[in-house]
Structures are given as structure tokens and as C-alpha cells.
Amino acid sequence: MPTQTMTKTMKAVQVSQKGGAFEVLDKEIPHPKAGQVRIRVEACGVCHSDALVKFGIWPGIDYPRIPGHEIAGRIDEIGSGVRQWIPGQRVGVGWHGGHCFTCDACRRGDFILCQFEKITAFHFDGGYAEYVVAPAEAVAAIPDGLSAEQAAPLMCAGVTVFNALRNAGARSGDRVAIQGIGGLGHLAIQYANRMGFETIAIGRGQDKESMARQLGAHEYIDSTQKEWIAVLLKRGGARVALATAPDAASIATLIGGLGNNGKLVMVAAPGEALTFNATAMIAKRQSLAAWSSGVATDSEDALRFALRTGIHPIIEKFPLAQAGEAFDKMMAGKVRFRAVLVN
């Protein structure tokens, strides 16, 4: 069911080779095959994981490739066999770009662990473009009330922290520490607060305290202070600590701030190995876990929860043609807090 498209080409930003520059060019508008949909992209977040595409860090990426896995827009055309979507619907696509339905994980309904999982912009072109084609099962409905530029960062950063928090084992009233006040952390603080947790934000420097409290932190701890772990323990330690900043030393230190039965959950991947005291963890029956993103239904839950409770990404908007500038600013840590490309 195609809709009328005025032209046969679209603006897109691609990387032609591993480590190559972002190129703004005209490309032929793709058409969906069976089981796929085409989306007219209205906004696409710029995520730190886009570096895995640009620099070829993720194995097996074919070039040229269009990055971008925080996509928000409207269904423009559907392929044969698609029943759940119709042209005009507001939808998004995140990190999870589809699954096989037949491997053991899929048969058990754990699609995010699909043996043959597709990742948006890794296995097919992403959202740094005016149109994107994606598998129908990877598409999430965006509720009215959330603009495309607000919804886009929730398709990856938002669903990642939302999913990690709701599956970490903490209950309302439990103490949850959020390490890092950046692209992931500023959303995690909001989600933790709205979920009813006693929310403690941990950042570098006193200058971040005001923002942390505005986002919903009940307490703030400056991790540049020598005894910052002792401060957390004086409050009873964390039932859950969510590591959103990829600093191995900070994450390993954070383990010491867990209380009895505490759990450290990582959603940011440090480049170095973690070193920690396993004996101390055993004594307090603590655990270490990791969480990666979510499937389309998880994204829908994260979007609806954000709309109901007033969670808003803090974003900087860039036109599509300035994707390279947005990416460089994000990588330099100078975006507050998510960069979003808009068409």
C-alpha cells in the first residue's frame, strides 16, 4: 500500500567506509519488501552507539551505511503481509531491528536475545535520512502527545534505562542510585523518580547538583569527593545502582556502595575490564548485571510511561545536513543531553 511520494530520491547521511566521513547525498527512496514498512523520518536521535557504525567497531557492517537507531516518524508504505500497521501511523524504531521468531530465545519470547537479531543501522540502513525501511516487528507505536523529536531519544536511551530499572528487582520506596548525568543518566533519574524509587544521582562535581535535583533526584553525591561511597553507605547503600556512564573505575567503585542484596546494573559499556572485590559482594549477597535496550513493545511501554508521568528528554536539535556536527558534539560530551536530527 504505497502512498504518493513527490520525488524518487531522498536526502541521507551515510558513511561510505569504516572510519569515513559523514556524507550528505541524494539516494533513491527505498521500498519495503514483504514484512517490512517504510517510515518517513521526522526525527532521529544521535546515540553514542552510532560510533560503532562510523568507526566500524561492530563486526560485519557492510558499507556504505546510513547510521541512526533512534527513529521517529510516520508509516509511509507497507510491504506485503504486514497487518499491524497502516500508512499515516506515528511510529518509531530503536536499537532492536528485528528477530527470526524461530531460534530458542525467540521461541521463548525473549526476542532481544534472538540468535539472529538485527540491529537498526547495523544490519540495514538507519534513520539519518528522510526515509527508512524496517522489519514490521521492530516498529513501535508513538502515542499522541509526544513530539517526534521528544520520542526519538526514548527509542534507545529511554527504553534502555526504563527497561533496566523495571527489571532490576527494586520496589517502590527502594533506594536507587543513578551513576552519570548525561544522555542516559538524565533520563534514568526521571524514570527512577516516577517509578517511586528513592533516587540518588551520582555525578562529577557540585555543578551538576542543581540539574540532578530538577530532573527528580532526591539526593546528589559528588563522585569527585574522596569519600563519596561512604556517603552512599551512610544512607543505607543502594538496592539498585544503574551505571549509565562508561567509566570502568567509577562503575567498579560503585559496587562498594551497594547495600545488602544490592544489584549493580550496567547499561553503559566501559572499554576496560572491571576490577572489584568478589568476597565483599558474596558477603552482602550482591550481584552484577547488564541490560541492553528492548524490543518494540518495551519501547511502547517506555513512551507511554514517559507521556503519563511527564518525562522529557533534554535535547539539542540539528538539521539532517548537520549530522556530522551533531555527532562530533555528542562524542565530545558537549550536547545537553541528546542530539536529535530533524527533517
Protein backbone atom coordinates (compact mmCIF):
# COMPACT_ATOMS: atom_id res chain seq x y z
CA MET A 1 0.00 0.00 0.00
CA PRO A 2 2.25 2.82 -1.18
CA THR A 3 1.43 6.45 -0.54
CA GLN A 4 2.26 9.13 -3.04
CA THR A 5 5.84 10.34 -2.76
CA MET A 6 6.66 13.55 -4.57
CA THR A 7 10.19 12.59 -5.58
CA LYS A 8 12.17 9.40 -6.18
CA THR A 9 15.18 10.48 -4.15
CA MET A 10 15.76 11.43 -0.54
CA LYS A 11 18.40 13.25 1.46
CA ALA A 12 20.52 10.90 3.52
CA VAL A 13 23.75 10.94 5.52
CA GLN A 14 25.94 7.89 5.06
CA VAL A 15 29.36 6.54 5.93
CA SER A 16 30.96 5.02 2.83
CA GLN A 17 33.74 3.10 4.58
CA LYS A 18 34.99 2.21 8.02
CA GLY A 19 36.09 5.42 9.70
CA GLY A 20 34.86 7.51 6.79
CA ALA A 21 33.33 10.97 6.98
CA PHE A 22 29.59 11.61 7.06
CA GLU A 23 28.42 12.31 3.51
CA VAL A 24 25.22 14.21 2.75
CA LEU A 25 23.82 12.99 -0.55
CA ASP A 26 20.75 12.10 -2.56
CA LYS A 27 19.78 8.43 -2.56
CA GLU A 28 16.94 6.52 -4.11
CA ILE A 29 13.98 6.19 -1.77
CA PRO A 30 13.83 2.52 -0.70
CA HIS A 31 10.68 0.39 -0.97
CA PRO A 32 9.61 -2.14 1.65
CA LYS A 33 9.68 -5.84 0.89
CA ALA A 34 7.36 -8.44 2.40
CA GLY A 35 7.11 -7.99 6.16
CA GLN A 36 8.66 -4.51 6.07
CA VAL A 37 7.42 -0.94 6.36
CA ARG A 38 8.76 2.36 5.12
CA ILE A 39 8.82 5.28 7.53
CA ARG A 40 9.01 8.96 6.68
CA VAL A 41 11.57 10.05 9.26
CA GLU A 42 10.69 13.16 11.22
CA ALA A 43 13.43 12.92 13.83
CA CYS A 44 16.40 10.68 14.62
CA GLY A 45 18.47 10.75 17.78
CA VAL A 46 22.26 10.71 17.67
CA CYS A 47 23.44 7.97 20.02
CA HIS A 48 26.95 7.19 21.26
CA SER A 49 26.48 3.71 19.74
CA ASP A 50 26.44 5.34 16.30
CA ALA A 51 30.23 5.39 16.72
CA LEU A 52 30.15 1.60 16.32
CA VAL A 53 28.88 2.15 12.78
CA LYS A 54 31.01 5.15 11.86
CA PHE A 55 34.27 3.61 13.01
CA GLY A 56 33.46 0.02 12.08
CA ILE A 57 33.83 -1.21 15.66
CA TRP A 58 30.86 -3.57 15.37
CA PRO A 59 31.88 -6.60 13.28
CA GLY A 60 30.27 -7.39 9.96
CA ILE A 61 28.88 -3.97 8.99
CA ASP A 62 28.52 -3.54 5.24
CA TYR A 63 29.34 -0.14 3.77
CA PRO A 64 28.08 2.28 2.67
CA ARG A 65 25.77 2.51 5.67
CA ILE A 66 23.30 5.11 6.95
CA PRO A 67 23.56 5.35 10.79
CA GLY A 68 20.80 6.13 13.27
CA HIS A 69 18.70 3.88 15.53
CA GLU A 70 16.54 6.39 17.44
CA ILE A 71 13.92 6.93 14.77
CA ALA A 72 10.54 8.66 14.97
CA GLY A 73 8.18 9.36 12.07
CA ARG A 74 5.14 8.07 10.22
CA ILE A 75 4.40 4.93 8.23
CA ASP A 76 4.65 5.86 4.57
CA GLU A 77 4.35 2.49 2.80
CA ILE A 78 3.83 -1.11 3.89
CA GLY A 79 5.07 -4.32 2.30
CA SER A 80 3.01 -7.41 1.62
CA GLY A 81 1.95 -9.44 4.62
CA VAL A 82 2.02 -6.51 7.06
CA ARG A 83 -1.22 -6.42 9.04
CA GLN A 84 -0.49 -4.41 12.19
CA TRP A 85 0.50 -1.11 10.59
CA ILE A 86 -1.17 1.30 8.18
CA PRO A 87 0.15 4.39 6.36
CA GLY A 88 -0.03 7.53 8.46
CA GLN A 89 0.57 5.90 11.83
CA ARG A 90 3.08 7.58 14.14
CA VAL A 91 5.84 5.07 14.83
CA GLY A 92 9.45 4.67 15.83
CA VAL A 93 12.28 2.17 15.55
CA GLY A 94 15.06 1.65 18.08
CA TRP A 95 18.19 -0.45 18.54
CA HIS A 96 16.35 -3.76 18.12
CA GLY A 97 15.76 -4.10 14.41
CA GLY A 98 14.01 -7.44 14.16
CA HIS A 99 14.22 -11.09 15.11
CA CYS A 100 13.92 -14.51 13.50
CA PHE A 101 10.95 -15.89 15.51
CA THR A 102 12.38 -19.43 15.35
CA CYS A 103 15.60 -19.63 17.43
CA ASP A 104 15.40 -20.86 21.02
CA ALA A 105 15.31 -17.34 22.52
CA CYS A 106 12.52 -16.28 20.14
CA ARG A 107 10.52 -19.43 20.82
CA ARG A 108 10.68 -18.47 24.49
CA GLY A 109 9.54 -14.92 23.67
CA ASP A 110 12.89 -13.32 24.55
CA PHE A 111 13.28 -11.54 21.23
CA ILE A 112 16.02 -9.14 22.35
CA LEU A 113 18.29 -12.19 22.72
CA CYS A 114 17.46 -13.57 19.27
CA GLN A 115 20.37 -15.54 17.89
CA PHE A 116 19.93 -13.72 14.58
CA GLU A 117 18.86 -10.34 15.94
CA LYS A 118 19.04 -7.43 13.53
CA ILE A 119 20.25 -4.09 14.83
CA THR A 120 18.93 -0.94 13.22
CA ALA A 121 21.61 0.85 11.16
CA PHE A 122 23.99 -2.06 11.70
CA HIS A 123 22.25 -4.70 9.59
CA PHE A 124 20.21 -2.29 7.46
CA ASP A 125 20.24 1.46 6.85
CA GLY A 126 19.12 3.68 9.71
CA GLY A 127 17.46 6.99 10.37
CA TYR A 128 19.99 9.62 9.28
CA ALA A 129 17.74 10.03 6.24
CA GLU A 130 14.32 11.19 5.14
CA TYR A 131 13.05 7.61 4.79
CA VAL A 132 13.93 4.28 6.38
CA VAL A 133 12.72 0.73 5.76
CA ALA A 134 12.47 -1.60 8.74
CA PRO A 135 11.00 -5.01 9.64
CA ALA A 136 7.42 -4.66 10.83
CA GLU A 137 8.14 -6.42 14.13
CA ALA A 138 10.73 -3.76 15.04
CA VAL A 139 8.22 -0.90 14.81
CA ALA A 140 6.72 0.74 17.92
CA ALA A 141 3.66 2.98 18.07
CA ILE A 142 4.27 6.54 19.28
CA PRO A 143 1.41 7.96 21.37
CA ASP A 144 -0.12 11.30 20.54
CA GLY A 145 1.20 13.90 22.93
CA LEU A 146 4.86 13.11 22.32
CA SER A 147 6.51 15.05 19.51
CA ALA A 148 8.80 13.19 17.14
CA GLU A 149 11.91 14.94 18.48
CA GLN A 150 10.94 14.04 22.06
CA ALA A 151 10.08 10.45 21.17
CA ALA A 152 13.25 9.72 19.19
CA PRO A 153 15.73 9.57 22.12
CA LEU A 154 13.30 7.36 24.05
CA MET A 155 13.58 4.71 21.31
CA CYS A 156 17.05 3.76 22.58
CA ALA A 157 18.29 5.78 25.56
CA GLY A 158 14.83 5.93 27.11
CA VAL A 159 13.79 2.31 26.71
CA THR A 160 17.23 1.12 27.82
CA VAL A 161 17.12 2.80 31.25
CA PHE A 162 13.37 2.24 31.66
CA ASN A 163 13.71 -1.47 30.95
CA ALA A 164 16.79 -1.87 33.12
CA LEU A 165 15.11 -0.18 36.09
CA ARG A 166 11.83 -2.05 35.87
CA ASN A 167 13.63 -5.40 35.63
CA ALA A 168 16.27 -4.76 38.32
CA GLY A 169 14.23 -6.14 41.21
CA ALA A 170 13.75 -2.88 43.15
CA ARG A 171 10.33 -1.95 44.53
CA SER A 172 8.75 1.45 45.08
CA GLY A 173 10.46 3.11 48.03
CA ASP A 174 13.76 1.30 47.48
CA ARG A 175 16.94 3.33 47.15
CA VAL A 176 18.21 3.54 43.56
CA ALA A 177 21.47 5.26 42.62
CA ILE A 178 21.99 6.60 39.11
CA GLN A 179 25.67 6.93 38.15
CA GLY A 180 26.18 9.58 35.47
CA ILE A 181 24.09 12.59 34.48
CA GLY A 182 24.32 12.52 30.70
CA GLY A 183 22.32 11.24 27.77
CA LEU A 184 21.26 8.06 29.58
CA GLY A 185 21.53 9.31 33.14
CA HIS A 186 19.28 12.36 32.79
CA LEU A 187 16.50 10.04 31.59
CA ALA A 188 17.26 7.38 34.21
CA ILE A 189 16.86 9.93 37.02
CA GLN A 190 13.43 10.89 35.68
CA TYR A 191 12.27 7.30 35.22
CA ALA A 192 13.56 6.28 38.67
CA ASN A 193 11.76 9.17 40.34
CA ARG A 194 8.47 8.47 38.55
CA MET A 195 8.70 4.76 39.41
CA GLY A 196 8.64 5.66 43.08
CA PHE A 197 12.25 4.95 43.95
CA GLU A 198 14.30 7.00 46.40
CA THR A 199 16.51 8.43 43.69
CA ILE A 200 20.15 9.33 44.32
CA ALA A 201 22.09 10.90 41.46
CA ILE A 202 25.86 10.50 41.30
CA GLY A 203 27.80 12.93 39.15
CA ARG A 204 31.20 14.53 38.82
CA GLY A 205 31.31 17.94 40.52
CA GLN A 206 28.93 20.04 42.57
CA ASP A 207 27.88 22.00 39.50
CA LYS A 208 25.63 19.10 38.42
CA GLU A 209 23.58 19.00 41.63
CA SER A 210 21.03 21.63 40.62
CA MET A 211 20.22 19.88 37.33
CA ALA A 212 20.07 16.47 39.02
CA ARG A 213 17.51 17.73 41.52
CA GLN A 214 15.49 19.42 38.77
CA LEU A 215 15.34 16.06 36.99
CA GLY A 216 13.96 14.39 40.11
CA ALA A 217 16.91 13.27 42.24
CA HIS A 218 16.12 13.30 45.95
CA GLU A 219 19.81 13.35 46.84
CA TYR A 220 23.01 14.15 44.99
CA ILE A 221 26.51 12.74 45.56
CA ASP A 222 29.64 14.30 44.05
CA SER A 223 31.87 11.43 42.93
CA THR A 224 34.94 13.67 42.85
CA GLN A 225 34.86 13.72 46.66
CA LYS A 226 37.19 11.15 48.21
CA GLU A 227 34.61 9.51 50.49
CA TRP A 228 31.65 9.51 48.13
CA ILE A 229 30.99 5.79 48.55
CA ALA A 230 30.88 6.27 52.32
CA VAL A 231 28.21 8.92 51.81
CA LEU A 232 26.10 6.43 49.85
CA LEU A 233 26.60 3.74 52.51
CA LYS A 234 25.54 6.15 55.27
CA ARG A 235 22.20 6.31 53.51
CA GLY A 236 21.99 2.53 53.75
CA GLY A 237 23.55 1.66 50.40
CA ALA A 238 21.72 1.23 47.12
CA ARG A 239 19.25 -1.55 46.42
CA VAL A 240 19.99 -0.93 42.74
CA ALA A 241 22.79 1.11 41.19
CA LEU A 242 22.40 1.90 37.50
CA ALA A 243 25.67 2.62 35.69
CA THR A 244 24.98 4.94 32.76
CA ALA A 245 28.48 6.36 32.19
CA PRO A 246 31.08 4.07 30.55
CA ASP A 247 33.88 4.59 33.07
CA ALA A 248 35.26 1.29 34.36
CA ALA A 249 36.85 2.73 37.50
CA SER A 250 33.67 4.56 38.55
CA ILE A 251 31.50 1.51 37.89
CA ALA A 252 33.80 -0.80 39.88
CA THR A 253 33.87 1.69 42.76
CA LEU A 254 30.10 1.97 42.68
CA ILE A 255 29.79 -1.72 43.58
CA GLY A 256 31.05 -0.75 47.03
CA GLY A 257 28.00 1.47 47.50
CA LEU A 258 25.50 -1.36 47.23
CA GLY A 259 23.54 -2.45 50.27
CA ASN A 260 22.61 -5.98 51.26
CA ASN A 261 21.14 -7.84 48.27
CA GLY A 262 22.10 -4.86 46.13
CA LYS A 263 22.45 -5.12 42.38
CA LEU A 264 24.64 -3.14 40.01
CA VAL A 265 23.09 -2.90 36.55
CA MET A 266 25.21 -1.72 33.63
CA VAL A 267 23.66 -0.08 30.58
CA ALA A 268 26.89 1.63 29.51
CA ALA A 269 29.77 -0.50 28.29
CA PRO A 270 33.23 0.61 29.51
CA GLY A 271 36.17 -0.07 27.26
CA GLU A 272 38.26 -1.50 30.09
CA ALA A 273 37.82 -4.50 32.36
CA LEU A 274 36.15 -4.11 35.76
CA THR A 275 38.10 -4.92 38.92
CA PHE A 276 36.10 -5.49 42.10
CA ASN A 277 36.13 -7.31 45.44
CA ALA A 278 34.16 -10.51 44.91
CA THR A 279 34.46 -11.51 48.57
CA ALA A 280 32.70 -8.35 49.69
CA MET A 281 29.94 -8.97 47.15
CA ILE A 282 29.46 -12.53 48.37
CA ALA A 283 29.26 -11.35 51.99
CA LYS A 284 26.40 -8.97 51.16
CA ARG A 285 24.80 -11.26 48.56
CA GLN A 286 25.22 -8.61 45.89
CA SER A 287 25.01 -9.13 42.15
CA LEU A 288 26.27 -7.63 38.91
CA ALA A 289 24.02 -7.49 35.85
CA ALA A 290 23.75 -5.86 32.44
CA TRP A 291 20.84 -4.76 30.29
CA SER A 292 20.53 -3.97 26.64
CA SER A 293 17.69 -1.92 25.19
CA GLY A 294 14.36 -3.61 24.46
CA VAL A 295 12.00 -4.72 21.72
CA ALA A 296 9.20 -2.68 20.16
CA THR A 297 6.67 -3.42 22.91
CA ASP A 298 9.20 -2.30 25.52
CA SER A 299 9.63 0.95 23.61
CA GLU A 300 5.87 1.45 23.59
CA ASP A 301 5.79 0.95 27.36
CA ALA A 302 8.63 3.44 27.84
CA LEU A 303 6.93 6.01 25.60
CA ARG A 304 3.53 5.70 27.29
CA PHE A 305 5.09 5.87 30.75
CA ALA A 306 7.04 8.99 29.76
CA LEU A 307 3.90 10.66 28.43
CA ARG A 308 1.82 9.82 31.52
CA THR A 309 4.44 10.92 34.03
CA GLY A 310 5.93 13.94 32.28
CA ILE A 311 9.36 12.56 31.39
CA HIS A 312 11.10 14.70 28.77
CA PRO A 313 14.48 14.23 27.10
CA ILE A 314 16.54 17.41 27.12
CA ILE A 315 17.61 17.78 23.52
CA GLU A 316 19.51 19.89 21.02
CA LYS A 317 18.07 19.84 17.51
CA PHE A 318 20.12 19.78 14.32
CA PRO A 319 19.05 19.67 10.67
CA LEU A 320 19.86 16.42 8.89
CA ALA A 321 22.64 18.06 6.88
CA GLN A 322 24.47 18.83 10.16
CA ALA A 323 24.61 15.18 11.27
CA GLY A 324 28.41 15.27 11.36
CA GLU A 325 28.42 18.33 13.60
CA ALA A 326 25.83 16.75 15.90
CA PHE A 327 27.84 13.53 16.12
CA ASP A 328 31.13 15.32 16.87
CA LYS A 329 29.48 17.45 19.56
CA MET A 330 27.91 14.35 21.10
CA MET A 331 31.22 12.46 21.11
CA ALA A 332 32.94 15.43 22.76
CA GLY A 333 30.33 15.40 25.54
CA LYS A 334 29.12 18.88 24.65
CA VAL A 335 25.46 18.05 23.94
CA ARG A 336 22.94 18.64 26.69
CA PHE A 337 21.78 15.93 26.75
CA ARG A 338 20.69 14.27 23.49
CA ALA A 339 21.31 15.44 19.92
CA VAL A 340 18.35 14.96 17.57
CA LEU A 341 18.33 15.32 13.77
CA VAL A 342 15.08 16.73 12.42
CA ASN A 343 13.63 16.68 8.90
